[in-house]
PDB file of N, CA and C in Angstrom:
ATOM      1  N   MET A   1      82.499  98.743  91.419  1.00  0.00           N
ATOM      2  CA  MET A   1      83.915  98.846  91.657  1.00  0.00           C
ATOM      3  C   MET A   1      83.884 100.243  92.073  1.00  0.00           C
ATOM      4  N   SER A   2      84.593 100.341  93.189  1.00  0.00           N
ATOM      5  CA  SER A   2      85.158 101.516  93.631  1.00  0.00           C
ATOM      6  C   SER A   2      86.470 102.237  93.077  1.00  0.00           C
ATOM      7  N   HIS A   3      86.438 103.403  93.091  1.00  0.00           N
ATOM      8  CA  HIS A   3      87.674 104.436  92.610  1.00  0.00           C
ATOM      9  C   HIS A   3      88.796 104.099  93.621  1.00  0.00           C
ATOM     10  N   PRO A   4      89.913 104.100  92.894  1.00  0.00           N
ATOM     11  CA  PRO A   4      91.254 104.058  93.808  1.00  0.00           C
ATOM     12  C   PRO A   4      91.462 105.242  94.792  1.00  0.00           C
ATOM     13  N   THR A   5      91.780 105.371  95.739  1.00  0.00           N
ATOM     14  CA  THR A   5      92.231 106.305  96.934  1.00  0.00           C
ATOM     15  C   THR A   5      93.608 106.527  96.523  1.00  0.00           C
ATOM     16  N   HIS A   6      93.518 108.248  96.721  1.00  0.00           N
ATOM     17  CA  HIS A   6      94.756 108.888  95.967  1.00  0.00           C
ATOM     18  C   HIS A   6      96.169 108.354  96.881  1.00  0.00           C
ATOM     19  N   HIS A   7      97.178 108.233  96.437  1.00  0.00           N
ATOM     20  CA  HIS A   7      98.142 107.829  96.872  1.00  0.00           C
ATOM     21  C   HIS A   7      98.152 106.656  97.534  1.00  0.00           C
ATOM     22  N   SER A   8      97.187 105.547  97.281  1.00  0.00           N
ATOM     23  CA  SER A   8      97.471 104.200  97.999  1.00  0.00           C
ATOM     24  C   SER A   8      97.978 103.254  96.714  1.00  0.00           C
ATOM     25  N   ILE A   9      98.288 102.107  97.475  1.00  0.00           N
ATOM     26  CA  ILE A   9      98.941 101.114  96.680  1.00  0.00           C
ATOM     27  C   ILE A   9      97.583 100.680  96.005  1.00  0.00           C
ATOM     28  N   SER A  10      97.761 100.374  94.542  1.00  0.00           N
ATOM     29  CA  SER A  10      96.515 100.003  93.611  1.00  0.00           C
ATOM     30  C   SER A  10      96.819  98.869  92.648  1.00  0.00           C
ATOM     31  N   TYR A  11      97.804  98.956  92.434  1.00  0.00           N
ATOM     32  CA  TYR A  11      97.801  97.973  91.137  1.00  0.00           C
ATOM     33  C   TYR A  11      99.429  97.181  91.261  1.00  0.00           C
ATOM     34  N   ILE A  12      99.778  95.940  91.082  1.00  0.00           N
ATOM     35  CA  ILE A  12     100.805  95.518  91.181  1.00  0.00           C
ATOM     36  C   ILE A  12     100.815  94.828  89.770  1.00  0.00           C
ATOM     37  N   GLU A  13     102.425  94.918  89.337  1.00  0.00           N
ATOM     38  CA  GLU A  13     103.015  94.725  87.922  1.00  0.00           C
ATOM     39  C   GLU A  13     104.049  93.730  87.684  1.00  0.00           C
ATOM     40  N   PHE A  14     103.845  92.424  87.159  1.00  0.00           N
ATOM     41  CA  PHE A  14     104.979  91.549  87.430  1.00  0.00           C
ATOM     42  C   PHE A  14     105.512  91.377  85.994  1.00  0.00           C
ATOM     43  N   GLY A  15     107.126  91.593  85.961  1.00  0.00           N
ATOM     44  CA  GLY A  15     107.709  91.512  84.202  1.00  0.00           C
ATOM     45  C   GLY A  15     107.536  89.690  84.097  1.00  0.00           C
ATOM     46  N   VAL A  16     107.351  89.861  82.723  1.00  0.00           N
ATOM     47  CA  VAL A  16     107.427  88.178  82.426  1.00  0.00           C
ATOM     48  C   VAL A  16     108.167  88.064  81.216  1.00  0.00           C
ATOM     49  N   THR A  17     108.790  86.804  80.875  1.00  0.00           N
ATOM     50  CA  THR A  17     109.492  86.759  79.814  1.00  0.00           C
ATOM     51  C   THR A  17     108.596  85.901  78.483  1.00  0.00           C
ATOM     52  N   ASP A  18     107.526  85.592  78.851  1.00  0.00           N
ATOM     53  CA  ASP A  18     106.719  84.576  78.132  1.00  0.00           C
ATOM     54  C   ASP A  18     105.165  84.741  78.576  1.00  0.00           C
ATOM     55  N   LEU A  19     104.339  86.271  77.874  1.00  0.00           N
ATOM     56  CA  LEU A  19     102.996  86.174  78.662  1.00  0.00           C
ATOM     57  C   LEU A  19     102.108  85.296  78.226  1.00  0.00           C
ATOM     58  N   ALA A  20     102.237  84.487  77.123  1.00  0.00           N
ATOM     59  CA  ALA A  20     101.103  83.257  77.571  1.00  0.00           C
ATOM     60  C   ALA A  20     101.361  82.190  78.251  1.00  0.00           C
ATOM     61  N   ALA A  21     102.375  81.636  78.850  1.00  0.00           N
ATOM     62  CA  ALA A  21     103.115  81.028  79.738  1.00  0.00           C
ATOM     63  C   ALA A  21     102.580  81.402  81.079  1.00  0.00           C
ATOM     64  N   ALA A  22     102.747  82.781  81.329  1.00  0.00           N
ATOM     65  CA  ALA A  22     102.656  83.108  82.548  1.00  0.00           C
ATOM     66  C   ALA A  22     101.061  83.173  83.071  1.00  0.00           C
ATOM     67  N   ARG A  23     100.732  83.578  81.742  1.00  0.00           N
ATOM     68  CA  ARG A  23      98.607  83.340  82.190  1.00  0.00           C
ATOM     69  C   ARG A  23      98.355  82.392  82.093  1.00  0.00           C
ATOM     70  N   ALA A  24      99.026  81.301  81.903  1.00  0.00           N
ATOM     71  CA  ALA A  24      98.518  80.029  81.710  1.00  0.00           C
ATOM     72  C   ALA A  24      98.726  79.370  83.112  1.00  0.00           C
ATOM     73  N   PHE A  25     100.291  79.811  83.787  1.00  0.00           N
ATOM     74  CA  PHE A  25     100.604  79.259  85.028  1.00  0.00           C
ATOM     75  C   PHE A  25      99.024  80.079  85.965  1.00  0.00           C
ATOM     76  N   TYR A  26      99.242  81.506  86.263  1.00  0.00           N
ATOM     77  CA  TYR A  26      98.174  82.080  87.087  1.00  0.00           C
ATOM     78  C   TYR A  26      96.788  81.697  86.765  1.00  0.00           C
ATOM     79  N   GLU A  27      96.632  81.215  85.748  1.00  0.00           N
ATOM     80  CA  GLU A  27      95.138  80.824  85.356  1.00  0.00           C
ATOM     81  C   GLU A  27      94.972  79.483  86.075  1.00  0.00           C
ATOM     82  N   SER A  28      96.264  78.562  86.147  1.00  0.00           N
ATOM     83  CA  SER A  28      96.011  77.621  86.437  1.00  0.00           C
ATOM     84  C   SER A  28      96.078  76.833  88.203  1.00  0.00           C
ATOM     85  N   ALA A  29      97.059  77.862  88.712  1.00  0.00           N
ATOM     86  CA  ALA A  29      97.133  77.816  89.731  1.00  0.00           C
ATOM     87  C   ALA A  29      96.387  78.549  90.461  1.00  0.00           C
ATOM     88  N   PHE A  30      95.706  79.797  90.241  1.00  0.00           N
ATOM     89  CA  PHE A  30      95.035  80.272  91.382  1.00  0.00           C
ATOM     90  C   PHE A  30      93.727  80.959  90.505  1.00  0.00           C
ATOM     91  N   GLY A  31      93.547  80.684  89.285  1.00  0.00           N
ATOM     92  CA  GLY A  31      92.121  80.974  89.001  1.00  0.00           C
ATOM     93  C   GLY A  31      92.129  82.249  88.386  1.00  0.00           C
ATOM     94  N   TRP A  32      93.338  82.770  88.216  1.00  0.00           N
ATOM     95  CA  TRP A  32      93.157  84.485  87.682  1.00  0.00           C
ATOM     96  C   TRP A  32      92.590  84.355  86.508  1.00  0.00           C
ATOM     97  N   GLN A  33      91.769  85.503  85.933  1.00  0.00           N
ATOM     98  CA  GLN A  33      91.218  86.064  84.830  1.00  0.00           C
ATOM     99  C   GLN A  33      91.781  87.386  84.452  1.00  0.00           C
ATOM    100  N   PHE A  34      91.632  87.537  83.049  1.00  0.00           N
ATOM    101  CA  PHE A  34      92.638  88.349  82.689  1.00  0.00           C
ATOM    102  C   PHE A  34      92.147  89.408  81.388  1.00  0.00           C
ATOM    103  N   ASN A  35      92.356  90.710  81.574  1.00  0.00           N
ATOM    104  CA  ASN A  35      92.060  91.513  80.122  1.00  0.00           C
ATOM    105  C   ASN A  35      92.818  91.445  79.291  1.00  0.00           C
ATOM    106  N   ASP A  36      92.839  91.170  77.994  1.00  0.00           N
ATOM    107  CA  ASP A  36      94.009  91.313  76.907  1.00  0.00           C
ATOM    108  C   ASP A  36      94.309  92.366  76.369  1.00  0.00           C
ATOM    109  N   TYR A  37      95.427  92.649  76.324  1.00  0.00           N
ATOM    110  CA  TYR A  37      95.950  94.125  75.321  1.00  0.00           C
ATOM    111  C   TYR A  37      96.858  93.727  74.639  1.00  0.00           C
ATOM    112  N   GLY A  38      96.970  92.970  74.199  1.00  0.00           N
ATOM    113  CA  GLY A  38      97.908  92.194  72.684  1.00  0.00           C
ATOM    114  C   GLY A  38      98.858  91.539  73.470  1.00  0.00           C
ATOM    115  N   PRO A  39      99.974  91.193  72.687  1.00  0.00           N
ATOM    116  CA  PRO A  39     100.930  90.396  73.006  1.00  0.00           C
ATOM    117  C   PRO A  39     101.973  90.577  73.850  1.00  0.00           C
ATOM    118  N   GLU A  40     101.833  91.537  74.240  1.00  0.00           N
ATOM    119  CA  GLU A  40     103.018  92.075  75.620  1.00  0.00           C
ATOM    120  C   GLU A  40     102.123  92.372  76.620  1.00  0.00           C
ATOM    121  N   TYR A  41     100.809  92.504  76.981  1.00  0.00           N
ATOM    122  CA  TYR A  41     100.527  92.814  78.267  1.00  0.00           C
ATOM    123  C   TYR A  41      99.101  92.297  78.433  1.00  0.00           C
ATOM    124  N   ALA A  42      98.750  92.016  79.824  1.00  0.00           N
ATOM    125  CA  ALA A  42      97.478  91.393  80.188  1.00  0.00           C
ATOM    126  C   ALA A  42      97.313  91.945  81.855  1.00  0.00           C
ATOM    127  N   GLY A  43      96.021  92.653  81.885  1.00  0.00           N
ATOM    128  CA  GLY A  43      95.536  93.039  83.238  1.00  0.00           C
ATOM    129  C   GLY A  43      94.934  91.833  83.720  1.00  0.00           C
ATOM    130  N   ILE A  44      95.504  91.865  85.118  1.00  0.00           N
ATOM    131  CA  ILE A  44      94.673  90.583  85.993  1.00  0.00           C
ATOM    132  C   ILE A  44      93.375  91.516  86.670  1.00  0.00           C
ATOM    133  N   LYS A  45      92.699  90.703  86.236  1.00  0.00           N
ATOM    134  CA  LYS A  45      90.970  90.970  86.922  1.00  0.00           C
ATOM    135  C   LYS A  45      90.813  90.758  88.226  1.00  0.00           C
ATOM    136  N   SER A  46      90.353  91.977  88.801  1.00  0.00           N
ATOM    137  CA  SER A  46      89.823  92.099  90.246  1.00  0.00           C
ATOM    138  C   SER A  46      88.875  91.159  90.790  1.00  0.00           C
ATOM    139  N   PRO A  47      89.207  90.085  91.260  1.00  0.00           N
ATOM    140  CA  PRO A  47      88.098  89.515  91.851  1.00  0.00           C
ATOM    141  C   PRO A  47      86.967  90.080  92.718  1.00  0.00           C
ATOM    142  N   SER A  48      85.501  89.888  92.431  1.00  0.00           N
ATOM    143  CA  SER A  48      84.523  90.486  92.916  1.00  0.00           C
ATOM    144  C   SER A  48      83.808  90.004  93.406  1.00  0.00           C
ATOM    145  N   ASP A  49      83.016  90.137  94.478  1.00  0.00           N
ATOM    146  CA  ASP A  49      82.183  89.301  95.119  1.00  0.00           C
ATOM    147  C   ASP A  49      80.307  89.528  94.127  1.00  0.00           C
ATOM    148  N   ASP A  50      80.827  90.825  93.592  1.00  0.00           N
ATOM    149  CA  ASP A  50      79.580  91.208  93.051  1.00  0.00           C
ATOM    150  C   ASP A  50      79.423  90.541  91.528  1.00  0.00           C
ATOM    151  N   PRO A  51      78.379  89.598  91.254  1.00  0.00           N
ATOM    152  CA  PRO A  51      78.298  88.847  90.159  1.00  0.00           C
ATOM    153  C   PRO A  51      78.010  89.833  88.984  1.00  0.00           C
ATOM    154  N   GLY A  52      77.343  91.159  89.284  1.00  0.00           N
ATOM    155  CA  GLY A  52      77.311  92.190  88.136  1.00  0.00           C
ATOM    156  C   GLY A  52      78.505  92.977  87.886  1.00  0.00           C
ATOM    157  N   ASP A  53      79.675  92.965  88.445  1.00  0.00           N
ATOM    158  CA  ASP A  53      80.933  93.689  87.910  1.00  0.00           C
ATOM    159  C   ASP A  53      81.829  92.979  87.292  1.00  0.00           C
ATOM    160  N   SER A  54      81.269  93.177  86.096  1.00  0.00           N
ATOM    161  CA  SER A  54      82.165  92.575  84.623  1.00  0.00           C
ATOM    162  C   SER A  54      82.993  93.515  83.762  1.00  0.00           C
ATOM    163  N   ASP A  55      82.904  94.999  84.662  1.00  0.00           N
ATOM    164  CA  ASP A  55      83.498  95.914  83.680  1.00  0.00           C
ATOM    165  C   ASP A  55      85.168  95.753  83.679  1.00  0.00           C
ATOM    166  N   GLY A  56      85.747  94.421  84.096  1.00  0.00           N
ATOM    167  CA  GLY A  56      86.891  94.366  83.831  1.00  0.00           C
ATOM    168  C   GLY A  56      88.039  95.216  84.633  1.00  0.00           C
ATOM    169  N   GLY A  57      87.485  95.634  85.663  1.00  0.00           N
ATOM    170  CA  GLY A  57      88.599  96.030  87.038  1.00  0.00           C
ATOM    171  C   GLY A  57      89.814  95.431  87.278  1.00  0.00           C
ATOM    172  N   GLU A  58      90.693  96.099  87.541  1.00  0.00           N
ATOM    173  CA  GLU A  58      92.406  95.100  87.547  1.00  0.00           C
ATOM    174  C   GLU A  58      92.885  95.545  88.746  1.00  0.00           C
ATOM    175  N   ILE A  59      93.338  94.514  89.299  1.00  0.00           N
ATOM    176  CA  ILE A  59      94.432  94.791  90.548  1.00  0.00           C
ATOM    177  C   ILE A  59      95.935  94.773  90.210  1.00  0.00           C
ATOM    178  N   GLY A  60      96.523  94.350  88.953  1.00  0.00           N
ATOM    179  CA  GLY A  60      97.687  94.048  88.275  1.00  0.00           C
ATOM    180  C   GLY A  60      97.754  93.829  86.747  1.00  0.00           C
ATOM    181  N   GLY A  61      99.056  93.566  86.659  1.00  0.00           N
ATOM    182  CA  GLY A  61      99.221  92.908  85.336  1.00  0.00           C
ATOM    183  C   GLY A  61     100.373  91.891  85.378  1.00  0.00           C
ATOM    184  N   LEU A  62     100.613  91.739  83.692  1.00  0.00           N
ATOM    185  CA  LEU A  62     101.798  90.819  83.205  1.00  0.00           C
ATOM    186  C   LEU A  62     102.279  91.341  82.003  1.00  0.00           C
ATOM    187  N   SER A  63     103.299  92.031  82.177  1.00  0.00           N
ATOM    188  CA  SER A  63     104.057  92.887  80.841  1.00  0.00           C
ATOM    189  C   SER A  63     105.357  92.119  80.905  1.00  0.00           C
ATOM    190  N   THR A  64     105.437  92.168  79.266  1.00  0.00           N
ATOM    191  CA  THR A  64     106.921  91.567  78.946  1.00  0.00           C
ATOM    192  C   THR A  64     107.945  93.091  78.614  1.00  0.00           C
ATOM    193  N   PHE A  65     106.973  94.024  79.293  1.00  0.00           N
ATOM    194  CA  PHE A  65     108.325  95.190  78.724  1.00  0.00           C
ATOM    195  C   PHE A  65     108.551  95.561  79.758  1.00  0.00           C
ATOM    196  N   ALA A  66     108.431  94.793  81.124  1.00  0.00           N
ATOM    197  CA  ALA A  66     109.456  94.952  82.293  1.00  0.00           C
ATOM    198  C   ALA A  66     110.003  93.618  82.300  1.00  0.00           C
ATOM    199  N   ALA A  67     111.047  93.285  83.135  1.00  0.00           N
ATOM    200  CA  ALA A  67     112.092  92.350  83.120  1.00  0.00           C
ATOM    201  C   ALA A  67     111.626  91.600  84.182  1.00  0.00           C
ATOM    202  N   PRO A  68     111.653  90.459  84.437  1.00  0.00           N
ATOM    203  CA  PRO A  68     111.190  89.857  85.587  1.00  0.00           C
ATOM    204  C   PRO A  68     112.382  89.990  86.706  1.00  0.00           C
ATOM    205  N   ASN A  69     111.780  90.080  87.921  1.00  0.00           N
ATOM    206  CA  ASN A  69     112.354  90.494  89.221  1.00  0.00           C
ATOM    207  C   ASN A  69     112.526  89.629  90.261  1.00  0.00           C
ATOM    208  N   ALA A  70     113.554  89.191  90.768  1.00  0.00           N
ATOM    209  CA  ALA A  70     113.363  88.438  91.862  1.00  0.00           C
ATOM    210  C   ALA A  70     113.141  88.943  92.757  1.00  0.00           C
ATOM    211  N   ASP A  71     113.489  90.247  93.004  1.00  0.00           N
ATOM    212  CA  ASP A  71     113.448  91.114  94.405  1.00  0.00           C
ATOM    213  C   ASP A  71     111.928  91.475  94.219  1.00  0.00           C
ATOM    214  N   GLY A  72     110.918  91.373  93.489  1.00  0.00           N
ATOM    215  CA  GLY A  72     109.687  91.664  93.448  1.00  0.00           C
ATOM    216  C   GLY A  72     109.121  92.282  92.287  1.00  0.00           C
ATOM    217  N   PRO A  73     107.608  92.297  92.371  1.00  0.00           N
ATOM    218  CA  PRO A  73     107.228  93.203  91.267  1.00  0.00           C
ATOM    219  C   PRO A  73     106.932  94.463  91.320  1.00  0.00           C
ATOM    220  N   LEU A  74     106.558  95.537  90.503  1.00  0.00           N
ATOM    221  CA  LEU A  74     106.173  96.837  90.574  1.00  0.00           C
ATOM    222  C   LEU A  74     105.410  97.219  91.367  1.00  0.00           C
ATOM    223  N   VAL A  75     105.478  97.943  92.317  1.00  0.00           N
ATOM    224  CA  VAL A  75     104.110  98.290  92.675  1.00  0.00           C
ATOM    225  C   VAL A  75     103.791  99.929  92.312  1.00  0.00           C
ATOM    226  N   LEU A  76     102.309 100.095  92.016  1.00  0.00           N
ATOM    227  CA  LEU A  76     101.856 101.300  91.519  1.00  0.00           C
ATOM    228  C   LEU A  76     100.853 101.848  92.757  1.00  0.00           C
ATOM    229  N   LEU A  77     101.099 103.135  92.546  1.00  0.00           N
ATOM    230  CA  LEU A  77     100.290 103.816  93.677  1.00  0.00           C
ATOM    231  C   LEU A  77      99.365 104.887  92.397  1.00  0.00           C
ATOM    232  N   PHE A  78      97.997 104.679  93.122  1.00  0.00           N
ATOM    233  CA  PHE A  78      97.336 105.775  92.369  1.00  0.00           C
ATOM    234  C   PHE A  78      97.227 107.450  92.434  1.00  0.00           C
ATOM    235  N   SER A  79      97.344 108.095  91.326  1.00  0.00           N
ATOM    236  CA  SER A  79      97.153 109.665  91.820  1.00  0.00           C
ATOM    237  C   SER A  79      96.012 110.351  91.153  1.00  0.00           C
ATOM    238  N   THR A  80      95.535 111.244  91.720  1.00  0.00           N
ATOM    239  CA  THR A  80      94.447 112.177  91.348  1.00  0.00           C
ATOM    240  C   THR A  80      95.193 113.376  90.706  1.00  0.00           C
ATOM    241  N   ASP A  81      96.173 113.623  90.900  1.00  0.00           N
ATOM    242  CA  ASP A  81      96.886 114.660  90.499  1.00  0.00           C
ATOM    243  C   ASP A  81      98.416 114.023  89.981  1.00  0.00           C
ATOM    244  N   LEU A  82      98.823 113.732  88.818  1.00  0.00           N
ATOM    245  CA  LEU A  82      99.823 113.208  88.485  1.00  0.00           C
ATOM    246  C   LEU A  82     101.201 114.108  88.390  1.00  0.00           C
ATOM    247  N   ASP A  83     100.710 115.122  87.949  1.00  0.00           N
ATOM    248  CA  ASP A  83     101.963 116.186  87.699  1.00  0.00           C
ATOM    249  C   ASP A  83     102.641 116.430  89.334  1.00  0.00           C
ATOM    250  N   ALA A  84     101.338 116.788  90.287  1.00  0.00           N
ATOM    251  CA  ALA A  84     101.583 116.954  91.642  1.00  0.00           C
ATOM    252  C   ALA A  84     102.392 115.762  91.937  1.00  0.00           C
ATOM    253  N   SER A  85     101.946 114.980  91.998  1.00  0.00           N
ATOM    254  CA  SER A  85     102.709 113.554  92.475  1.00  0.00           C
ATOM    255  C   SER A  85     104.267 113.458  92.113  1.00  0.00           C
ATOM    256  N   VAL A  86     104.610 113.871  90.728  1.00  0.00           N
ATOM    257  CA  VAL A  86     105.851 113.877  90.263  1.00  0.00           C
ATOM    258  C   VAL A  86     106.795 114.864  91.103  1.00  0.00           C
ATOM    259  N   ASP A  87     106.059 116.631  91.157  1.00  0.00           N
ATOM    260  CA  ASP A  87     106.851 117.054  92.081  1.00  0.00           C
ATOM    261  C   ASP A  87     106.791 116.702  93.490  1.00  0.00           C
ATOM    262  N   ALA A  88     105.994 116.031  94.281  1.00  0.00           N
ATOM    263  CA  ALA A  88     106.133 115.606  95.355  1.00  0.00           C
ATOM    264  C   ALA A  88     107.199 114.377  95.479  1.00  0.00           C
ATOM    265  N   VAL A  89     107.319 113.604  94.895  1.00  0.00           N
ATOM    266  CA  VAL A  89     108.220 112.531  94.675  1.00  0.00           C
ATOM    267  C   VAL A  89     109.720 113.214  94.385  1.00  0.00           C
ATOM    268  N   THR A  90     109.744 114.214  93.434  1.00  0.00           N
ATOM    269  CA  THR A  90     111.226 114.460  93.509  1.00  0.00           C
ATOM    270  C   THR A  90     111.550 115.449  94.962  1.00  0.00           C
ATOM    271  N   ALA A  91     110.542 116.591  95.432  1.00  0.00           N
ATOM    272  CA  ALA A  91     111.304 116.991  96.356  1.00  0.00           C
ATOM    273  C   ALA A  91     111.353 116.461  97.667  1.00  0.00           C
ATOM    274  N   ALA A  92     110.808 115.107  97.660  1.00  0.00           N
ATOM    275  CA  ALA A  92     111.028 114.219  98.819  1.00  0.00           C
ATOM    276  C   ALA A  92     112.363 113.476  98.897  1.00  0.00           C
ATOM    277  N   GLY A  93     112.927 113.435  97.587  1.00  0.00           N
ATOM    278  CA  GLY A  93     114.001 112.931  97.141  1.00  0.00           C
ATOM    279  C   GLY A  93     114.210 111.847  96.457  1.00  0.00           C
ATOM    280  N   GLY A  94     112.916 111.659  95.791  1.00  0.00           N
ATOM    281  CA  GLY A  94     113.167 110.210  94.716  1.00  0.00           C
ATOM    282  C   GLY A  94     113.613 110.841  93.401  1.00  0.00           C
ATOM    283  N   THR A  95     114.091 109.758  92.627  1.00  0.00           N
ATOM    284  CA  THR A  95     114.260 109.989  91.604  1.00  0.00           C
ATOM    285  C   THR A  95     113.401 109.524  90.241  1.00  0.00           C
ATOM    286  N   ILE A  96     112.834 110.319  89.209  1.00  0.00           N
ATOM    287  CA  ILE A  96     112.217 109.858  88.314  1.00  0.00           C
ATOM    288  C   ILE A  96     112.994 108.927  87.365  1.00  0.00           C
ATOM    289  N   VAL A  97     112.797 107.756  87.001  1.00  0.00           N
ATOM    290  CA  VAL A  97     113.090 107.082  86.074  1.00  0.00           C
ATOM    291  C   VAL A  97     112.443 107.058  84.930  1.00  0.00           C
ATOM    292  N   ALA A  98     111.286 107.064  84.261  1.00  0.00           N
ATOM    293  CA  ALA A  98     110.491 106.645  83.398  1.00  0.00           C
ATOM    294  C   ALA A  98     109.160 107.600  83.497  1.00  0.00           C
ATOM    295  N   GLY A  99     109.275 108.400  82.602  1.00  0.00           N
ATOM    296  CA  GLY A  99     107.753 109.339  82.255  1.00  0.00           C
ATOM    297  C   GLY A  99     107.739 110.525  82.807  1.00  0.00           C
ATOM    298  N   PRO A 100     106.534 111.010  82.802  1.00  0.00           N
ATOM    299  CA  PRO A 100     105.489 110.728  82.761  1.00  0.00           C
ATOM    300  C   PRO A 100     105.054 110.155  81.149  1.00  0.00           C
ATOM    301  N   TYR A 101     104.229 109.661  81.071  1.00  0.00           N
ATOM    302  CA  TYR A 101     104.186 108.846  79.625  1.00  0.00           C
ATOM    303  C   TYR A 101     102.697 108.194  79.917  1.00  0.00           C
ATOM    304  N   ASP A 102     102.317 108.318  78.542  1.00  0.00           N
ATOM    305  CA  ASP A 102     100.615 107.785  78.525  1.00  0.00           C
ATOM    306  C   ASP A 102     100.520 106.235  78.277  1.00  0.00           C
ATOM    307  N   PHE A 103      99.834 105.629  78.875  1.00  0.00           N
ATOM    308  CA  PHE A 103      99.572 104.101  78.500  1.00  0.00           C
ATOM    309  C   PHE A 103      97.769 104.171  78.452  1.00  0.00           C
ATOM    310  N   PRO A 104      97.175 102.592  77.935  1.00  0.00           N
ATOM    311  CA  PRO A 104      96.145 102.753  77.967  1.00  0.00           C
ATOM    312  C   PRO A 104      95.421 102.670  78.910  1.00  0.00           C
ATOM    313  N   GLY A 105      94.696 103.992  79.200  1.00  0.00           N
ATOM    314  CA  GLY A 105      93.868 104.324  80.438  1.00  0.00           C
ATOM    315  C   GLY A 105      94.359 105.276  81.396  1.00  0.00           C
ATOM    316  N   GLY A 106      94.940 106.268  80.532  1.00  0.00           N
ATOM    317  CA  GLY A 106      95.827 107.245  81.574  1.00  0.00           C
ATOM    318  C   GLY A 106      97.292 107.812  81.586  1.00  0.00           C
ATOM    319  N   ARG A 107      97.809 108.311  82.410  1.00  0.00           N
ATOM    320  CA  ARG A 107      99.481 108.429  82.514  1.00  0.00           C
ATOM    321  C   ARG A 107      99.974 107.842  83.650  1.00  0.00           C
ATOM    322  N   ARG A 108     101.403 107.654  83.636  1.00  0.00           N
ATOM    323  CA  ARG A 108     102.220 107.111  84.786  1.00  0.00           C
ATOM    324  C   ARG A 108     103.500 107.479  84.513  1.00  0.00           C
ATOM    325  N   PHE A 109     104.320 107.491  85.809  1.00  0.00           N
ATOM    326  CA  PHE A 109     105.447 107.351  85.835  1.00  0.00           C
ATOM    327  C   PHE A 109     106.207 106.479  86.496  1.00  0.00           C
ATOM    328  N   GLU A 110     107.451 106.111  86.659  1.00  0.00           N
ATOM    329  CA  GLU A 110     108.092 105.496  87.934  1.00  0.00           C
ATOM    330  C   GLU A 110     109.248 106.702  88.422  1.00  0.00           C
ATOM    331  N   PHE A 111     109.863 106.034  89.540  1.00  0.00           N
ATOM    332  CA  PHE A 111     110.594 106.246  90.330  1.00  0.00           C
ATOM    333  C   PHE A 111     111.250 105.544  91.223  1.00  0.00           C
ATOM    334  N   THR A 112     112.526 105.943  91.740  1.00  0.00           N
ATOM    335  CA  THR A 112     112.894 105.120  92.948  1.00  0.00           C
ATOM    336  C   THR A 112     113.319 105.928  94.190  1.00  0.00           C
ATOM    337  N   ASP A 113     112.975 105.542  95.146  1.00  0.00           N
ATOM    338  CA  ASP A 113     113.128 106.212  96.469  1.00  0.00           C
ATOM    339  C   ASP A 113     114.646 106.175  96.923  1.00  0.00           C
ATOM    340  N   PRO A 114     114.733 106.939  97.851  1.00  0.00           N
ATOM    341  CA  PRO A 114     116.204 107.231  98.229  1.00  0.00           C
ATOM    342  C   PRO A 114     116.977 105.630  98.310  1.00  0.00           C
ATOM    343  N   SER A 115     116.215 104.622  98.914  1.00  0.00           N
ATOM    344  CA  SER A 115     117.125 103.174  98.980  1.00  0.00           C
ATOM    345  C   SER A 115     117.045 102.522  97.900  1.00  0.00           C
ATOM    346  N   GLY A 116     116.499 103.050  96.758  1.00  0.00           N
ATOM    347  CA  GLY A 116     116.669 102.230  95.277  1.00  0.00           C
ATOM    348  C   GLY A 116     115.323 101.368  95.247  1.00  0.00           C
ATOM    349  N   ASN A 117     114.535 101.410  95.957  1.00  0.00           N
ATOM    350  CA  ASN A 117     113.020 100.852  95.458  1.00  0.00           C
ATOM    351  C   ASN A 117     112.385 101.680  94.257  1.00  0.00           C
ATOM    352  N   ARG A 118     111.996 100.805  92.935  1.00  0.00           N
ATOM    353  CA  ARG A 118     111.040 101.405  92.072  1.00  0.00           C
ATOM    354  C   ARG A 118     109.990 101.064  92.317  1.00  0.00           C
ATOM    355  N   LEU A 119     108.911 102.049  92.162  1.00  0.00           N
ATOM    356  CA  LEU A 119     107.779 102.115  92.453  1.00  0.00           C
ATOM    357  C   LEU A 119     107.161 102.910  90.984  1.00  0.00           C
ATOM    358  N   GLY A 120     105.778 102.968  90.994  1.00  0.00           N
ATOM    359  CA  GLY A 120     104.835 103.724  89.955  1.00  0.00           C
ATOM    360  C   GLY A 120     103.894 104.520  90.280  1.00  0.00           C
ATOM    361  N   VAL A 121     103.902 105.476  89.730  1.00  0.00           N
ATOM    362  CA  VAL A 121     102.380 106.238  89.934  1.00  0.00           C
ATOM    363  C   VAL A 121     101.508 106.210  88.456  1.00  0.00           C
ATOM    364  N   PHE A 122     100.153 106.089  89.186  1.00  0.00           N
ATOM    365  CA  PHE A 122      99.497 106.538  87.860  1.00  0.00           C
ATOM    366  C   PHE A 122      98.037 106.969  87.854  1.00  0.00           C
ATOM    367  N   ALA A 123      97.802 107.702  86.680  1.00  0.00           N
ATOM    368  CA  ALA A 123      96.446 108.468  86.840  1.00  0.00           C
ATOM    369  C   ALA A 123      95.564 108.094  85.801  1.00  0.00           C
ATOM    370  N   ASP A 124      94.494 108.225  86.087  1.00  0.00           N
ATOM    371  CA  ASP A 124      93.353 107.757  84.874  1.00  0.00           C
ATOM    372  C   ASP A 124      92.748 108.594  83.760  1.00  0.00           C
ATOM    373  N   SER A 125      93.969 109.812  84.134  1.00  0.00           N
ATOM    374  CA  SER A 125      93.663 110.943  82.578  1.00  0.00           C
ATOM    375  C   SER A 125      94.745 111.419  82.893  1.00  0.00           C
TER     376      SER A 125
END
């Protein structure tokens, strides 16, 4: 699995009200597979053409921490320097609305752009 590119779209997170029902839906409708992180979060495994790629790489997640949003899922960007990304977002006119905070696998923050779109940025350390 390749490493994410700095400030590229890396992960899409869907807010769900019932994790088990959401998993069952996506498994049945699209054949998605998941990494389990407990009763409130499941990572969407990355489809891979490499049969040896069983490390559980992810492209997104299902989260009961976020409310479902008819306007769309949360888009996450990857950063090699999270603190510098916080500074860049703030300097560009964005508003930090959550974090930075730790999560399994790294740190992350969420922000709104000047139009009100909410995005997140994460780093693996």
